[in-house]
């Protein structure tokens, strides 16, 4: 039976948790498909490793190049989010993953780029053996209720200046 794992909250580590599950799955020769919403930057470790982890690991990005910040979202971002969800539907049928990661899907819902009923309908149509990870800040209550496991990451302490260490934050 597939389970739904939800990682949310304002603390760091939501994507990192999802990637940890992806790595574990690949280690057991389980097929993983990661769909990243709102992300476009190809210099991240999770994107760079894709060829090394073939054929068990695939990652796709649906974000506008150069996008930074919720205040700059536009119609192109909405179209890319919709395209990402449609791609997820196609990937389930054609790629048949054991684990599907919808990275930052919660944030697309918060920003109104996707509708929560669309995502729940998608989850309801998944084959029963597919595990799903949903990440992103501000998960709607409907997804919290729908998920089997919910983890809220809370920042307790962090340096005042943003830290971006290669191999850790990206």
N, C-alpha and C. Protein backbone atom coordinates (compact mmCIF):
# COMPACT_ATOMS: atom_id res chain seq x y z
N UNK A 1 0.84 -1.18 0.00
CA UNK A 1 0.00 0.00 0.00
C UNK A 1 0.88 1.24 0.00
N UNK A 2 0.56 2.20 -0.84
CA UNK A 2 1.30 3.45 -0.88
C UNK A 2 0.83 4.40 0.20
N UNK A 3 1.76 5.18 0.69
CA UNK A 3 1.47 6.18 1.71
C UNK A 3 1.78 7.57 1.20
N UNK A 4 1.16 8.55 1.83
CA UNK A 4 1.42 9.95 1.51
C UNK A 4 2.17 10.58 2.68
N UNK A 5 3.35 11.11 2.37
CA UNK A 5 4.20 11.78 3.34
C UNK A 5 4.18 13.27 3.03
N UNK A 6 3.93 14.09 4.02
CA UNK A 6 3.84 15.53 3.84
C UNK A 6 4.87 16.21 4.73
N UNK A 7 5.74 17.00 4.11
CA UNK A 7 6.74 17.79 4.83
C UNK A 7 6.42 19.25 4.61
N UNK A 8 6.16 19.97 5.69
CA UNK A 8 5.78 21.37 5.60
C UNK A 8 6.41 22.15 6.73
N UNK A 9 6.10 23.43 6.82
CA UNK A 9 6.63 24.28 7.88
C UNK A 9 7.61 25.30 7.34
N UNK A 10 7.99 26.23 8.20
CA UNK A 10 8.88 27.30 7.77
C UNK A 10 10.35 26.96 8.00
N UNK A 11 10.63 25.85 8.63
CA UNK A 11 12.01 25.44 8.84
C UNK A 11 12.60 24.80 7.59
N UNK A 12 13.92 24.77 7.53
CA UNK A 12 14.62 24.17 6.40
C UNK A 12 14.56 22.65 6.48
N UNK A 13 14.66 22.00 5.32
CA UNK A 13 14.80 20.55 5.30
C UNK A 13 13.67 19.77 4.67
N UNK A 14 12.68 20.45 4.12
CA UNK A 14 11.55 19.73 3.52
C UNK A 14 11.99 18.95 2.29
N UNK A 15 12.67 19.62 1.39
CA UNK A 15 13.17 18.93 0.19
C UNK A 15 14.23 17.91 0.58
N UNK A 16 15.08 18.25 1.53
CA UNK A 16 16.13 17.32 1.96
C UNK A 16 15.53 16.02 2.51
N UNK A 17 14.44 16.12 3.26
CA UNK A 17 13.76 14.92 3.76
C UNK A 17 13.23 14.08 2.60
N UNK A 18 12.61 14.74 1.63
CA UNK A 18 12.09 14.02 0.47
C UNK A 18 13.21 13.34 -0.29
N UNK A 19 14.33 14.04 -0.45
CA UNK A 19 15.47 13.45 -1.17
C UNK A 19 16.07 12.29 -0.40
N UNK A 20 16.03 12.34 0.90
CA UNK A 20 16.49 11.21 1.71
C UNK A 20 15.66 9.97 1.45
N UNK A 21 14.34 10.13 1.37
CA UNK A 21 13.47 9.00 1.04
C UNK A 21 13.74 8.52 -0.38
N UNK A 22 13.99 9.45 -1.29
CA UNK A 22 14.31 9.08 -2.67
C UNK A 22 15.58 8.24 -2.72
N UNK A 23 16.60 8.66 -1.99
CA UNK A 23 17.86 7.93 -1.98
C UNK A 23 17.67 6.53 -1.40
N UNK A 24 16.93 6.42 -0.34
CA UNK A 24 16.64 5.11 0.23
C UNK A 24 15.92 4.22 -0.78
N UNK A 25 14.96 4.78 -1.46
CA UNK A 25 14.21 4.01 -2.46
C UNK A 25 15.11 3.52 -3.57
N UNK A 26 15.96 4.41 -4.09
CA UNK A 26 16.90 4.04 -5.15
C UNK A 26 17.82 2.91 -4.65
N UNK A 27 18.23 2.98 -3.39
CA UNK A 27 19.08 1.94 -2.82
C UNK A 27 18.44 0.57 -2.83
N UNK A 28 17.12 0.55 -2.85
CA UNK A 28 16.37 -0.71 -2.92
C UNK A 28 15.86 -0.98 -4.34
N UNK A 29 16.44 -0.29 -5.29
CA UNK A 29 16.08 -0.43 -6.70
C UNK A 29 14.61 -0.16 -6.95
N UNK A 30 14.09 0.84 -6.24
CA UNK A 30 12.73 1.31 -6.46
C UNK A 30 12.81 2.55 -7.34
N UNK A 31 11.94 2.65 -8.28
CA UNK A 31 11.92 3.77 -9.23
C UNK A 31 11.36 5.02 -8.56
N UNK A 32 12.08 6.14 -8.72
CA UNK A 32 11.70 7.41 -8.13
C UNK A 32 11.55 8.46 -9.23
N UNK A 33 10.46 9.19 -9.18
CA UNK A 33 10.28 10.35 -10.05
C UNK A 33 10.04 11.56 -9.15
N UNK A 34 10.87 12.58 -9.35
CA UNK A 34 10.75 13.82 -8.58
C UNK A 34 10.29 14.92 -9.53
N UNK A 35 9.25 15.61 -9.13
CA UNK A 35 8.75 16.74 -9.89
C UNK A 35 8.88 17.96 -8.99
N UNK A 36 9.69 18.92 -9.44
CA UNK A 36 9.92 20.13 -8.66
C UNK A 36 9.12 21.28 -9.27
N UNK A 37 8.21 21.80 -8.46
CA UNK A 37 7.44 22.98 -8.84
C UNK A 37 8.21 24.23 -8.40
N UNK A 38 8.12 25.28 -9.19
CA UNK A 38 8.73 26.57 -8.88
C UNK A 38 10.26 26.55 -8.87
N UNK A 39 10.86 25.44 -9.23
CA UNK A 39 12.33 25.34 -9.22
C UNK A 39 12.83 25.19 -10.64
N UNK A 40 13.94 25.84 -10.92
CA UNK A 40 14.49 25.84 -12.27
C UNK A 40 16.00 25.70 -12.28
N UNK A 41 16.64 25.93 -11.17
CA UNK A 41 18.09 25.97 -11.12
C UNK A 41 18.67 24.56 -11.20
N UNK A 42 19.52 24.32 -12.18
CA UNK A 42 20.06 22.99 -12.45
C UNK A 42 21.35 22.68 -11.69
N UNK A 43 21.84 23.63 -10.89
CA UNK A 43 23.11 23.43 -10.18
C UNK A 43 22.91 22.85 -8.78
N UNK A 44 21.79 22.19 -8.55
CA UNK A 44 21.55 21.56 -7.26
C UNK A 44 22.03 20.11 -7.29
N UNK A 45 22.41 19.61 -6.13
CA UNK A 45 22.89 18.23 -6.05
C UNK A 45 21.86 17.22 -6.51
N UNK A 46 20.60 17.45 -6.16
CA UNK A 46 19.56 16.50 -6.55
C UNK A 46 19.34 16.45 -8.05
N UNK A 47 19.64 17.55 -8.73
CA UNK A 47 19.52 17.56 -10.19
C UNK A 47 20.78 17.00 -10.83
N UNK A 48 21.94 17.38 -10.31
CA UNK A 48 23.21 16.97 -10.89
C UNK A 48 23.43 15.45 -10.83
N UNK A 49 22.86 14.79 -9.83
CA UNK A 49 23.10 13.36 -9.63
C UNK A 49 22.24 12.46 -10.53
N UNK A 50 21.32 13.05 -11.25
CA UNK A 50 20.33 12.24 -11.98
C UNK A 50 20.95 11.18 -12.89
N UNK A 51 22.01 11.51 -13.60
CA UNK A 51 22.59 10.51 -14.52
C UNK A 51 23.31 9.40 -13.76
N UNK A 52 23.80 9.67 -12.57
CA UNK A 52 24.49 8.65 -11.77
C UNK A 52 23.52 7.63 -11.18
N UNK A 53 22.30 8.03 -10.99
CA UNK A 53 21.32 7.15 -10.34
C UNK A 53 20.34 6.49 -11.32
N UNK A 54 20.58 6.67 -12.62
CA UNK A 54 19.74 6.00 -13.62
C UNK A 54 19.87 4.50 -13.45
N UNK A 55 18.86 3.75 -13.72
CA UNK A 55 17.54 4.09 -14.24
C UNK A 55 16.49 4.28 -13.15
N UNK A 56 16.92 4.38 -11.90
CA UNK A 56 15.97 4.40 -10.80
C UNK A 56 15.53 5.80 -10.37
N UNK A 57 16.18 6.83 -10.89
CA UNK A 57 15.96 8.19 -10.40
C UNK A 57 15.78 9.14 -11.56
N UNK A 58 14.67 9.88 -11.55
CA UNK A 58 14.42 10.91 -12.56
C UNK A 58 13.92 12.16 -11.85
N UNK A 59 14.34 13.31 -12.36
CA UNK A 59 13.92 14.58 -11.76
C UNK A 59 13.57 15.57 -12.87
N UNK A 60 12.47 16.28 -12.67
CA UNK A 60 11.97 17.23 -13.65
C UNK A 60 11.62 18.52 -12.94
N UNK A 61 11.89 19.64 -13.58
CA UNK A 61 11.64 20.94 -12.98
C UNK A 61 10.59 21.72 -13.78
N UNK A 62 9.70 22.36 -13.04
CA UNK A 62 8.65 23.18 -13.63
C UNK A 62 8.62 24.53 -12.93
N UNK A 63 9.67 25.30 -13.21
CA UNK A 63 9.78 26.63 -12.65
C UNK A 63 10.33 27.58 -13.70
N UNK A 64 9.99 28.83 -13.56
CA UNK A 64 10.42 29.86 -14.51
C UNK A 64 11.85 30.26 -14.21
N UNK A 65 12.68 30.22 -15.23
CA UNK A 65 14.09 30.58 -15.08
C UNK A 65 14.19 32.00 -14.53
N UNK A 66 15.01 32.13 -13.50
CA UNK A 66 15.22 33.43 -12.90
C UNK A 66 14.23 33.79 -11.81
N UNK A 67 13.20 32.93 -11.60
CA UNK A 67 12.19 33.24 -10.60
C UNK A 67 12.81 33.23 -9.20
N UNK A 68 12.55 34.28 -8.47
CA UNK A 68 12.98 34.35 -7.07
C UNK A 68 11.92 35.14 -6.31
N UNK A 69 11.25 34.50 -5.39
CA UNK A 69 10.32 35.20 -4.51
C UNK A 69 8.87 35.12 -4.91
N UNK A 70 8.03 35.00 -3.90
CA UNK A 70 6.58 34.86 -4.13
C UNK A 70 5.96 36.13 -4.71
N UNK A 71 6.58 37.27 -4.47
CA UNK A 71 6.03 38.53 -4.97
C UNK A 71 6.17 38.72 -6.47
N UNK A 72 6.88 37.82 -7.13
CA UNK A 72 7.11 37.97 -8.57
C UNK A 72 6.38 36.92 -9.40
N UNK A 73 5.47 36.17 -8.80
CA UNK A 73 4.74 35.13 -9.53
C UNK A 73 3.82 35.76 -10.58
N UNK A 74 3.69 35.06 -11.72
CA UNK A 74 2.81 35.56 -12.77
C UNK A 74 2.13 34.40 -13.48
N UNK A 75 1.47 34.70 -14.57
CA UNK A 75 0.71 33.69 -15.31
C UNK A 75 1.60 32.55 -15.82
N UNK A 76 2.83 32.86 -16.16
CA UNK A 76 3.75 31.80 -16.62
C UNK A 76 4.00 30.78 -15.51
N UNK A 77 4.10 31.24 -14.27
CA UNK A 77 4.30 30.34 -13.14
C UNK A 77 3.09 29.42 -12.97
N UNK A 78 1.90 29.98 -13.15
CA UNK A 78 0.67 29.17 -13.06
C UNK A 78 0.66 28.10 -14.14
N UNK A 79 1.01 28.48 -15.36
CA UNK A 79 1.04 27.51 -16.46
C UNK A 79 2.07 26.42 -16.21
N UNK A 80 3.22 26.79 -15.67
CA UNK A 80 4.25 25.79 -15.38
C UNK A 80 3.81 24.84 -14.27
N UNK A 81 3.13 25.36 -13.26
CA UNK A 81 2.62 24.50 -12.19
C UNK A 81 1.59 23.52 -12.74
N UNK A 82 0.69 24.01 -13.58
CA UNK A 82 -0.31 23.13 -14.20
C UNK A 82 0.36 22.08 -15.08
N UNK A 83 1.38 22.50 -15.81
CA UNK A 83 2.14 21.57 -16.65
C UNK A 83 2.83 20.50 -15.79
N UNK A 84 3.35 20.91 -14.64
CA UNK A 84 3.99 19.96 -13.73
C UNK A 84 3.02 18.92 -13.21
N UNK A 85 1.81 19.33 -12.85
CA UNK A 85 0.82 18.38 -12.35
C UNK A 85 0.37 17.44 -13.47
N UNK A 86 0.19 17.97 -14.68
CA UNK A 86 -0.16 17.12 -15.82
C UNK A 86 0.97 16.11 -16.10
N UNK A 87 2.21 16.59 -15.99
CA UNK A 87 3.34 15.70 -16.19
C UNK A 87 3.35 14.60 -15.13
N UNK A 88 2.99 14.92 -13.90
CA UNK A 88 2.92 13.92 -12.84
C UNK A 88 1.92 12.82 -13.21
N UNK A 89 0.78 13.22 -13.76
CA UNK A 89 -0.22 12.24 -14.18
C UNK A 89 0.33 11.33 -15.27
N UNK A 90 1.02 11.93 -16.22
CA UNK A 90 1.63 11.17 -17.31
C UNK A 90 2.73 10.25 -16.78
N UNK A 91 3.54 10.76 -15.87
CA UNK A 91 4.64 9.98 -15.31
C UNK A 91 4.13 8.75 -14.56
N UNK A 92 3.03 8.88 -13.86
CA UNK A 92 2.47 7.74 -13.14
C UNK A 92 2.12 6.62 -14.11
N UNK A 93 1.54 6.98 -15.23
CA UNK A 93 1.12 5.98 -16.22
C UNK A 93 2.30 5.41 -17.00
N UNK A 94 3.21 6.27 -17.43
CA UNK A 94 4.27 5.84 -18.33
C UNK A 94 5.54 5.39 -17.62
N UNK A 95 5.91 6.03 -16.54
CA UNK A 95 7.16 5.72 -15.86
C UNK A 95 6.97 4.76 -14.70
N UNK A 96 5.76 4.69 -14.19
CA UNK A 96 5.37 3.77 -13.14
C UNK A 96 6.32 3.79 -11.94
N UNK A 97 6.46 4.95 -11.31
CA UNK A 97 7.37 5.03 -10.16
C UNK A 97 6.81 4.33 -8.92
N UNK A 98 7.72 3.92 -8.07
CA UNK A 98 7.34 3.40 -6.75
C UNK A 98 7.18 4.56 -5.77
N UNK A 99 7.98 5.62 -6.01
CA UNK A 99 7.93 6.82 -5.18
C UNK A 99 7.83 8.04 -6.08
N UNK A 100 6.85 8.87 -5.81
CA UNK A 100 6.66 10.13 -6.53
C UNK A 100 6.82 11.27 -5.54
N UNK A 101 7.72 12.21 -5.86
CA UNK A 101 7.92 13.38 -5.02
C UNK A 101 7.38 14.60 -5.75
N UNK A 102 6.47 15.31 -5.10
CA UNK A 102 5.94 16.57 -5.62
C UNK A 102 6.52 17.69 -4.76
N UNK A 103 7.72 18.12 -5.13
CA UNK A 103 8.48 19.08 -4.36
C UNK A 103 7.92 20.49 -4.55
N UNK A 104 7.62 21.15 -3.47
CA UNK A 104 7.05 22.51 -3.42
C UNK A 104 5.59 22.59 -3.90
N UNK A 105 4.92 21.46 -3.96
CA UNK A 105 3.51 21.50 -4.37
C UNK A 105 2.67 22.29 -3.37
N UNK A 106 3.02 22.21 -2.08
CA UNK A 106 2.27 22.96 -1.08
C UNK A 106 2.33 24.47 -1.35
N UNK A 107 3.50 24.92 -1.74
CA UNK A 107 3.67 26.35 -2.02
C UNK A 107 2.87 26.78 -3.25
N UNK A 108 2.76 25.90 -4.25
CA UNK A 108 1.93 26.25 -5.42
C UNK A 108 0.47 26.41 -5.02
N UNK A 109 0.05 25.61 -4.05
CA UNK A 109 -1.33 25.72 -3.57
C UNK A 109 -1.53 27.01 -2.78
N UNK A 110 -0.60 27.31 -1.93
CA UNK A 110 -0.66 28.53 -1.13
C UNK A 110 -0.73 29.78 -2.02
N UNK A 111 0.00 29.75 -3.12
CA UNK A 111 0.07 30.90 -4.03
C UNK A 111 -1.06 30.90 -5.06
N UNK A 112 -1.91 29.88 -5.05
CA UNK A 112 -3.02 29.84 -5.99
C UNK A 112 -2.64 29.42 -7.39
N UNK A 113 -1.47 28.84 -7.55
CA UNK A 113 -1.06 28.37 -8.88
C UNK A 113 -1.76 27.06 -9.24
N UNK A 114 -2.05 26.26 -8.24
CA UNK A 114 -2.85 25.05 -8.37
C UNK A 114 -3.96 25.11 -7.33
N UNK A 115 -4.98 24.28 -7.52
CA UNK A 115 -6.08 24.21 -6.57
C UNK A 115 -5.97 22.92 -5.78
N UNK A 116 -6.29 22.99 -4.49
CA UNK A 116 -6.13 21.83 -3.62
C UNK A 116 -6.97 20.64 -4.09
N UNK A 117 -8.17 20.91 -4.62
CA UNK A 117 -9.01 19.80 -5.08
C UNK A 117 -8.36 19.07 -6.26
N UNK A 118 -7.60 19.79 -7.11
CA UNK A 118 -6.88 19.16 -8.23
C UNK A 118 -5.83 18.17 -7.70
N UNK A 119 -5.11 18.59 -6.70
CA UNK A 119 -4.04 17.75 -6.14
C UNK A 119 -4.64 16.55 -5.41
N UNK A 120 -5.69 16.77 -4.64
CA UNK A 120 -6.33 15.65 -3.94
C UNK A 120 -6.94 14.67 -4.93
N UNK A 121 -7.58 15.16 -5.98
CA UNK A 121 -8.11 14.27 -7.02
C UNK A 121 -6.99 13.44 -7.64
N UNK A 122 -5.85 14.07 -7.90
CA UNK A 122 -4.70 13.36 -8.44
C UNK A 122 -4.25 12.27 -7.47
N UNK A 123 -4.13 12.61 -6.19
CA UNK A 123 -3.71 11.63 -5.18
C UNK A 123 -4.70 10.47 -5.09
N UNK A 124 -5.98 10.77 -5.22
CA UNK A 124 -7.01 9.74 -5.13
C UNK A 124 -6.96 8.76 -6.31
N UNK A 125 -6.40 9.19 -7.43
CA UNK A 125 -6.32 8.34 -8.62
C UNK A 125 -5.03 7.52 -8.71
N UNK A 126 -4.12 7.73 -7.79
CA UNK A 126 -2.83 7.03 -7.86
C UNK A 126 -2.99 5.53 -7.63
N UNK A 127 -2.17 4.73 -8.30
CA UNK A 127 -2.17 3.30 -7.98
C UNK A 127 -1.86 3.09 -6.50
N UNK A 128 -2.43 2.09 -5.92
CA UNK A 128 -2.33 1.88 -4.47
C UNK A 128 -0.92 1.57 -3.99
N UNK A 129 -0.02 1.18 -4.89
CA UNK A 129 1.34 0.82 -4.48
C UNK A 129 2.33 1.99 -4.55
N UNK A 130 1.89 3.17 -4.95
CA UNK A 130 2.79 4.31 -5.11
C UNK A 130 2.83 5.13 -3.83
N UNK A 131 4.04 5.33 -3.31
CA UNK A 131 4.24 6.24 -2.20
C UNK A 131 4.44 7.64 -2.76
N UNK A 132 3.96 8.65 -2.05
CA UNK A 132 4.05 10.03 -2.52
C UNK A 132 4.60 10.91 -1.40
N UNK A 133 5.49 11.83 -1.78
CA UNK A 133 5.98 12.83 -0.85
C UNK A 133 5.56 14.20 -1.37
N UNK A 134 4.95 14.98 -0.50
CA UNK A 134 4.53 16.35 -0.81
C UNK A 134 5.36 17.28 0.06
N UNK A 135 5.98 18.30 -0.55
CA UNK A 135 6.77 19.23 0.25
C UNK A 135 6.32 20.66 0.01
N UNK A 136 6.80 21.53 0.86
CA UNK A 136 6.58 22.96 0.70
C UNK A 136 5.93 23.58 1.92
N UNK A 137 6.23 24.85 2.11
CA UNK A 137 5.62 25.61 3.20
C UNK A 137 4.11 25.72 3.01
N UNK A 138 3.46 25.99 4.11
CA UNK A 138 2.04 26.38 4.10
C UNK A 138 1.11 25.31 3.51
N UNK A 139 1.31 24.07 3.88
CA UNK A 139 0.42 23.01 3.39
C UNK A 139 -1.02 23.30 3.81
N UNK A 140 -1.95 23.17 2.88
CA UNK A 140 -3.36 23.39 3.24
C UNK A 140 -3.87 22.27 4.15
N UNK A 141 -4.81 22.62 5.00
CA UNK A 141 -5.36 21.66 5.95
C UNK A 141 -5.89 20.40 5.26
N UNK A 142 -6.46 20.57 4.07
CA UNK A 142 -7.00 19.41 3.34
C UNK A 142 -5.90 18.38 3.04
N UNK A 143 -4.70 18.84 2.72
CA UNK A 143 -3.60 17.90 2.47
C UNK A 143 -3.07 17.32 3.77
N UNK A 144 -3.05 18.11 4.82
CA UNK A 144 -2.64 17.59 6.13
C UNK A 144 -3.56 16.44 6.52
N UNK A 145 -4.85 16.61 6.32
CA UNK A 145 -5.81 15.57 6.65
C UNK A 145 -5.69 14.36 5.73
N UNK A 146 -5.37 14.57 4.47
CA UNK A 146 -5.28 13.48 3.49
C UNK A 146 -4.02 12.64 3.65
N UNK A 147 -2.93 13.25 4.12
CA UNK A 147 -1.65 12.56 4.24
C UNK A 147 -1.68 11.53 5.36
N UNK A 148 -0.84 10.51 5.21
CA UNK A 148 -0.69 9.49 6.24
C UNK A 148 0.33 9.92 7.29
N UNK A 149 1.38 10.58 6.85
CA UNK A 149 2.45 11.07 7.73
C UNK A 149 2.61 12.56 7.48
N UNK A 150 2.63 13.35 8.53
CA UNK A 150 2.82 14.79 8.39
C UNK A 150 3.93 15.22 9.34
N UNK A 151 4.92 15.92 8.78
CA UNK A 151 6.03 16.45 9.57
C UNK A 151 6.08 17.95 9.32
N UNK A 152 6.07 18.72 10.40
CA UNK A 152 6.22 20.16 10.29
C UNK A 152 7.61 20.53 10.78
N UNK A 153 8.39 21.13 9.89
CA UNK A 153 9.74 21.56 10.25
C UNK A 153 9.68 22.99 10.75
N UNK A 154 10.26 23.21 11.92
CA UNK A 154 10.24 24.52 12.56
C UNK A 154 11.68 24.96 12.78
N UNK A 155 11.98 26.16 12.36
CA UNK A 155 13.32 26.69 12.58
C UNK A 155 13.44 27.12 14.04
N UNK A 156 14.43 26.56 14.72
CA UNK A 156 14.69 26.91 16.11
C UNK A 156 15.84 27.92 16.17
N UNK A 157 16.84 27.71 15.30
CA UNK A 157 18.00 28.59 15.30
C UNK A 157 18.67 28.52 13.94
N UNK A 158 19.15 29.66 13.47
CA UNK A 158 19.89 29.73 12.20
C UNK A 158 20.75 30.98 12.22
N UNK A 159 21.85 30.98 11.45
CA UNK A 159 22.65 32.20 11.36
C UNK A 159 21.82 33.36 10.80
N UNK A 160 22.19 34.58 11.18
CA UNK A 160 21.46 35.76 10.71
C UNK A 160 21.57 35.93 9.21
N UNK A 161 22.74 35.63 8.67
CA UNK A 161 22.93 35.72 7.22
C UNK A 161 22.61 34.37 6.59
N UNK A 162 22.02 34.41 5.41
CA UNK A 162 21.66 33.18 4.70
C UNK A 162 22.90 32.36 4.39
N UNK A 163 22.82 31.07 4.68
CA UNK A 163 23.92 30.15 4.42
C UNK A 163 23.55 29.31 3.21
N UNK A 164 24.45 29.23 2.24
CA UNK A 164 24.24 28.36 1.08
C UNK A 164 25.53 27.57 0.82
N UNK A 165 25.60 26.41 1.44
CA UNK A 165 26.76 25.55 1.30
C UNK A 165 26.50 24.52 0.21
N UNK A 166 27.39 24.46 -0.76
CA UNK A 166 27.27 23.49 -1.85
C UNK A 166 27.22 22.09 -1.25
N UNK A 167 26.26 21.30 -1.67
CA UNK A 167 26.12 19.94 -1.15
C UNK A 167 25.27 19.86 0.11
N UNK A 168 24.91 20.98 0.70
CA UNK A 168 24.04 20.99 1.87
C UNK A 168 22.73 21.69 1.55
N UNK A 169 22.77 22.97 1.23
CA UNK A 169 21.55 23.70 0.88
C UNK A 169 21.18 23.58 -0.59
N UNK A 170 22.14 23.15 -1.41
CA UNK A 170 21.81 23.00 -2.82
C UNK A 170 22.64 21.93 -3.49
